N, C-alpha and C. Protein backbone atom coordinates (compact mmCIF):
# COMPACT_ATOMS: atom_id res chain seq x y z
N UNK A 1 172.37 -11.47 76.85
CA UNK A 1 171.16 -11.57 76.06
C UNK A 1 171.50 -11.91 74.62
N UNK A 2 170.49 -12.33 73.89
CA UNK A 2 170.62 -12.70 72.49
C UNK A 2 170.55 -11.46 71.61
N UNK A 3 171.58 -11.21 70.81
CA UNK A 3 171.62 -10.03 69.95
C UNK A 3 170.68 -10.16 68.75
N UNK A 4 170.04 -11.30 68.59
CA UNK A 4 169.15 -11.53 67.45
C UNK A 4 167.68 -11.42 67.82
N UNK A 5 167.41 -10.85 68.98
CA UNK A 5 166.02 -10.69 69.40
C UNK A 5 165.88 -9.45 70.26
N UNK A 6 164.66 -8.96 70.33
CA UNK A 6 164.34 -7.85 71.20
C UNK A 6 163.33 -8.35 72.22
N UNK A 7 163.48 -7.91 73.46
CA UNK A 7 162.59 -8.33 74.53
C UNK A 7 161.95 -7.08 75.14
N UNK A 8 160.63 -7.09 75.22
CA UNK A 8 159.88 -6.00 75.85
C UNK A 8 159.12 -6.60 77.01
N UNK A 9 159.34 -6.06 78.21
CA UNK A 9 158.64 -6.54 79.40
C UNK A 9 157.71 -5.45 79.91
N UNK A 10 156.49 -5.84 80.24
CA UNK A 10 155.49 -4.93 80.79
C UNK A 10 155.08 -5.50 82.13
N UNK A 11 155.27 -4.72 83.20
CA UNK A 11 155.01 -5.22 84.55
C UNK A 11 154.02 -4.30 85.27
N UNK A 12 153.25 -4.90 86.16
CA UNK A 12 152.42 -4.11 87.05
C UNK A 12 152.57 -4.64 88.47
N UNK A 13 151.96 -3.95 89.41
CA UNK A 13 152.06 -4.38 90.81
C UNK A 13 150.67 -4.62 91.38
N UNK A 14 149.75 -5.08 90.54
CA UNK A 14 148.38 -5.35 90.96
C UNK A 14 148.25 -6.69 91.67
N UNK A 15 147.05 -7.20 91.66
CA UNK A 15 146.74 -8.45 92.36
C UNK A 15 147.37 -9.67 91.70
N UNK A 16 147.74 -9.57 90.45
CA UNK A 16 148.34 -10.70 89.75
C UNK A 16 147.30 -11.61 89.14
N UNK A 17 147.77 -12.65 88.49
CA UNK A 17 146.91 -13.63 87.84
C UNK A 17 147.01 -14.93 88.62
N UNK A 18 145.88 -15.46 89.01
CA UNK A 18 145.86 -16.70 89.78
C UNK A 18 146.44 -17.87 89.00
N UNK A 19 147.01 -18.81 89.71
CA UNK A 19 147.64 -19.98 89.07
C UNK A 19 146.65 -20.73 88.19
N UNK A 20 145.41 -20.87 88.63
CA UNK A 20 144.42 -21.61 87.83
C UNK A 20 144.04 -20.87 86.56
N UNK A 21 144.17 -19.54 86.57
CA UNK A 21 143.84 -18.74 85.39
C UNK A 21 145.02 -18.56 84.46
N UNK A 22 146.24 -18.66 84.97
CA UNK A 22 147.44 -18.39 84.18
C UNK A 22 147.53 -19.28 82.94
N UNK A 23 147.09 -20.51 83.04
CA UNK A 23 147.16 -21.44 81.91
C UNK A 23 146.05 -21.18 80.89
N UNK A 24 145.07 -20.35 81.24
CA UNK A 24 143.92 -20.15 80.36
C UNK A 24 143.82 -18.75 79.77
N UNK A 25 144.64 -17.80 80.20
CA UNK A 25 144.44 -16.41 79.80
C UNK A 25 144.61 -16.16 78.31
N UNK A 26 145.28 -17.04 77.60
CA UNK A 26 145.46 -16.86 76.16
C UNK A 26 144.40 -17.60 75.35
N UNK A 27 143.48 -18.30 76.02
CA UNK A 27 142.40 -19.01 75.33
C UNK A 27 141.35 -18.00 74.85
N UNK A 28 140.83 -18.19 73.64
CA UNK A 28 139.79 -17.28 73.16
C UNK A 28 138.57 -17.28 74.09
N UNK A 29 138.08 -16.09 74.39
CA UNK A 29 136.87 -15.84 75.17
C UNK A 29 137.00 -16.16 76.66
N UNK A 30 138.21 -16.45 77.14
CA UNK A 30 138.38 -16.62 78.59
C UNK A 30 138.52 -15.25 79.22
N UNK A 31 137.73 -14.99 80.23
CA UNK A 31 137.82 -13.73 80.97
C UNK A 31 137.40 -13.95 82.41
N UNK A 32 137.92 -13.12 83.28
CA UNK A 32 137.52 -13.13 84.68
C UNK A 32 136.72 -11.87 85.00
N UNK A 33 136.45 -11.06 83.98
CA UNK A 33 135.75 -9.78 84.17
C UNK A 33 134.34 -9.86 83.60
N UNK A 34 133.42 -9.18 84.25
CA UNK A 34 132.02 -9.22 83.80
C UNK A 34 131.82 -8.51 82.48
N UNK A 35 132.69 -7.56 82.14
CA UNK A 35 132.53 -6.82 80.89
C UNK A 35 133.59 -7.19 79.85
N UNK A 36 134.43 -8.13 80.14
CA UNK A 36 135.49 -8.50 79.21
C UNK A 36 135.01 -9.42 78.11
N UNK A 37 135.70 -9.37 76.96
CA UNK A 37 135.36 -10.28 75.85
C UNK A 37 136.27 -11.50 75.82
N UNK A 38 137.44 -11.38 76.43
CA UNK A 38 138.36 -12.51 76.44
C UNK A 38 139.10 -12.75 75.15
N UNK A 39 139.18 -11.73 74.29
CA UNK A 39 139.90 -11.93 73.03
C UNK A 39 141.18 -11.12 72.92
N UNK A 40 141.40 -10.17 73.83
CA UNK A 40 142.56 -9.29 73.73
C UNK A 40 143.89 -10.01 73.75
N UNK A 41 144.12 -10.84 74.74
CA UNK A 41 145.41 -11.55 74.83
C UNK A 41 145.55 -12.60 73.73
N UNK A 42 144.43 -13.18 73.30
CA UNK A 42 144.46 -14.13 72.19
C UNK A 42 144.94 -13.44 70.92
N UNK A 43 144.41 -12.25 70.66
CA UNK A 43 144.81 -11.48 69.48
C UNK A 43 146.27 -11.06 69.59
N UNK A 44 146.68 -10.57 70.76
CA UNK A 44 148.08 -10.16 70.96
C UNK A 44 149.03 -11.31 70.68
N UNK A 45 148.75 -12.46 71.26
CA UNK A 45 149.63 -13.61 71.06
C UNK A 45 149.67 -14.02 69.58
N UNK A 46 148.54 -14.00 68.92
CA UNK A 46 148.48 -14.37 67.50
C UNK A 46 149.33 -13.43 66.64
N UNK A 47 149.23 -12.14 66.89
CA UNK A 47 150.03 -11.16 66.13
C UNK A 47 151.51 -11.36 66.38
N UNK A 48 151.89 -11.52 67.64
CA UNK A 48 153.30 -11.70 67.99
C UNK A 48 153.85 -12.98 67.37
N UNK A 49 153.09 -14.08 67.44
CA UNK A 49 153.54 -15.35 66.87
C UNK A 49 153.63 -15.27 65.34
N UNK A 50 152.76 -14.48 64.70
CA UNK A 50 152.82 -14.35 63.25
C UNK A 50 154.09 -13.63 62.80
N UNK A 51 154.74 -12.94 63.72
CA UNK A 51 156.01 -12.28 63.44
C UNK A 51 157.20 -13.08 63.98
N UNK A 52 156.95 -14.34 64.33
CA UNK A 52 158.02 -15.21 64.80
C UNK A 52 158.38 -15.01 66.26
N UNK A 53 157.52 -14.36 67.01
CA UNK A 53 157.81 -14.05 68.41
C UNK A 53 157.05 -14.92 69.39
N UNK A 54 157.21 -14.55 70.65
CA UNK A 54 156.60 -15.29 71.76
C UNK A 54 156.04 -14.27 72.75
N UNK A 55 154.85 -14.55 73.30
CA UNK A 55 154.27 -13.76 74.38
C UNK A 55 154.18 -14.67 75.60
N UNK A 56 154.82 -14.24 76.69
CA UNK A 56 154.87 -15.06 77.90
C UNK A 56 154.34 -14.26 79.09
N UNK A 57 153.92 -14.97 80.12
CA UNK A 57 153.44 -14.32 81.34
C UNK A 57 154.15 -14.93 82.54
N UNK A 58 154.53 -14.06 83.48
CA UNK A 58 155.22 -14.48 84.70
C UNK A 58 154.64 -13.74 85.89
N UNK A 59 154.80 -14.32 87.07
CA UNK A 59 154.44 -13.61 88.30
C UNK A 59 155.50 -12.55 88.58
N UNK A 60 155.06 -11.38 89.03
CA UNK A 60 155.95 -10.29 89.41
C UNK A 60 155.97 -10.26 90.93
N UNK A 61 156.87 -10.99 91.53
CA UNK A 61 156.92 -11.14 92.98
C UNK A 61 157.30 -9.84 93.67
N UNK A 62 156.69 -9.47 94.76
CA UNK A 62 155.66 -10.21 95.48
C UNK A 62 154.25 -9.97 94.96
N UNK A 63 154.05 -8.95 94.09
CA UNK A 63 152.71 -8.65 93.59
C UNK A 63 152.77 -8.37 92.10
N UNK A 64 151.69 -8.68 91.41
CA UNK A 64 151.57 -8.27 90.02
C UNK A 64 151.93 -9.33 89.01
N UNK A 65 152.05 -8.86 87.77
CA UNK A 65 152.27 -9.73 86.62
C UNK A 65 153.26 -9.08 85.67
N UNK A 66 154.02 -9.91 84.97
CA UNK A 66 154.92 -9.44 83.92
C UNK A 66 154.52 -10.15 82.63
N UNK A 67 154.27 -9.37 81.59
CA UNK A 67 154.11 -9.92 80.25
C UNK A 67 155.38 -9.61 79.49
N UNK A 68 155.91 -10.61 78.81
CA UNK A 68 157.16 -10.46 78.07
C UNK A 68 156.93 -10.81 76.61
N UNK A 69 157.30 -9.88 75.73
CA UNK A 69 157.22 -10.07 74.29
C UNK A 69 158.65 -10.26 73.78
N UNK A 70 158.89 -11.36 73.09
CA UNK A 70 160.20 -11.64 72.50
C UNK A 70 160.01 -11.72 70.99
N UNK A 71 160.72 -10.85 70.26
CA UNK A 71 160.61 -10.81 68.80
C UNK A 71 161.99 -10.94 68.17
N UNK A 72 162.08 -11.69 67.07
CA UNK A 72 163.37 -11.80 66.38
C UNK A 72 163.71 -10.50 65.66
N UNK A 73 164.99 -10.21 65.57
CA UNK A 73 165.47 -9.06 64.81
C UNK A 73 166.03 -9.59 63.50
N UNK A 74 165.48 -9.11 62.41
CA UNK A 74 165.97 -9.54 61.10
C UNK A 74 167.00 -8.54 60.60
N UNK A 75 168.05 -9.05 60.00
CA UNK A 75 169.09 -8.19 59.45
C UNK A 75 168.55 -7.45 58.23
N UNK A 76 168.92 -6.18 58.11
CA UNK A 76 168.49 -5.38 56.96
C UNK A 76 169.21 -5.86 55.70
N UNK A 77 168.52 -5.77 54.58
CA UNK A 77 169.19 -6.12 53.32
C UNK A 77 168.57 -7.24 52.69
């Protein structure tokens, strides 16, 4: 692994995210839920990117989803 970054992975074993939705989940106001606002993942990605990081999504085979946050580590001083 890269010593200049930290990686945090969050996984579940639910139904997963459909292929057609995977490309859209970070779009503002996109939701598959009747009560969702569709802004949560957009805000998360924006905050992470403002710190020089990346938010990625992967399938968690055979079930579920993995969200991965990659952030740079800055040297103290």
